Amino acid sequence: MKKNMSNLDRILRAIAAVVLGILYFSGVITGTLGIVLLVIAGILLATSVVAFCPLYFPFKFSTRK
């Protein structure tokens, strides 16, 4: 698994994941939409930790220099 995400990409994904988590756990977003966004937040956080985006891979796209 070759890294394909830049540090800026990783930071933005982590911030987005934290914001979605805060919105969910504070009760701003609820129901099915809240759960879906929480799952997306988990995916964003996981991809930012490992610096690999599976959606970039098939298109040979990389934000890393």
Protein backbone atom coordinates (compact mmCIF):
# COMPACT_ATOMS: atom_id res chain seq x y z
CA MET A 1 0.00 0.00 0.00
CA LYS A 2 1.82 3.07 -1.29
CA LYS A 3 0.96 6.42 0.28
CA ASN A 4 -0.98 8.66 -2.09
CA MET A 5 -2.13 11.55 0.12
CA SER A 6 -0.36 14.80 0.94
CA ASN A 7 -0.18 16.20 4.44
CA LEU A 8 -2.71 18.91 3.55
CA ASP A 9 -5.14 16.28 2.26
CA ARG A 10 -4.70 14.26 5.45
CA ILE A 11 -5.23 17.29 7.71
CA LEU A 12 -8.37 18.39 5.86
CA ARG A 13 -9.84 14.89 6.07
CA ALA A 14 -9.09 14.66 9.78
CA ILE A 15 -10.68 18.05 10.43
CA ALA A 16 -13.78 17.05 8.44
CA ALA A 17 -14.02 13.80 10.41
CA VAL A 18 -13.75 15.61 13.74
CA VAL A 19 -16.40 18.15 12.72
CA LEU A 20 -18.79 15.41 11.62
CA GLY A 21 -18.18 13.54 14.87
CA ILE A 22 -18.86 16.64 16.95
CA LEU A 23 -22.05 17.36 15.01
CA TYR A 24 -23.27 13.81 15.53
CA PHE A 25 -22.45 13.50 19.21
CA SER A 26 -23.83 16.96 20.02
CA GLY A 27 -27.15 15.97 18.44
CA VAL A 28 -27.10 18.44 15.55
CA ILE A 29 -27.33 15.62 12.99
CA THR A 30 -29.40 12.59 13.95
CA GLY A 31 -31.15 9.60 12.50
CA THR A 32 -30.06 7.71 9.43
CA LEU A 33 -28.24 10.72 8.00
CA GLY A 34 -26.28 11.07 11.22
CA ILE A 35 -25.20 7.44 11.16
CA VAL A 36 -24.19 7.63 7.49
CA LEU A 37 -22.15 10.78 8.14
CA LEU A 38 -20.55 9.16 11.19
CA VAL A 39 -19.46 6.20 9.03
CA ILE A 40 -18.06 8.62 6.44
CA ALA A 41 -16.21 10.43 9.24
CA GLY A 42 -14.67 7.11 10.31
CA ILE A 43 -13.54 6.40 6.76
CA LEU A 44 -12.07 9.89 6.41
CA LEU A 45 -10.20 9.52 9.68
CA ALA A 46 -8.89 6.06 8.80
CA THR A 47 -7.64 7.15 5.38
CA SER A 48 -5.96 10.21 6.87
CA VAL A 49 -4.14 8.07 9.44
CA VAL A 50 -2.76 5.60 6.89
CA ALA A 51 -2.21 8.27 4.17
CA PHE A 52 -3.81 6.03 1.55
CA CYS A 53 -7.07 6.69 -0.28
CA PRO A 54 -8.53 3.62 -1.99
CA LEU A 55 -10.53 5.82 -4.39
CA TYR A 56 -7.36 7.49 -5.66
CA PHE A 57 -5.68 4.15 -6.41
CA PRO A 58 -7.65 2.88 -9.45
CA PHE A 59 -7.31 6.27 -11.15
CA LYS A 60 -3.58 6.50 -10.34
CA PHE A 61 -4.24 9.84 -8.67
CA SER A 62 -2.03 11.20 -5.93
CA THR A 63 -1.87 14.44 -3.97
CA ARG A 64 1.53 13.47 -2.62
CA LYS A 65 4.55 15.00 -4.34
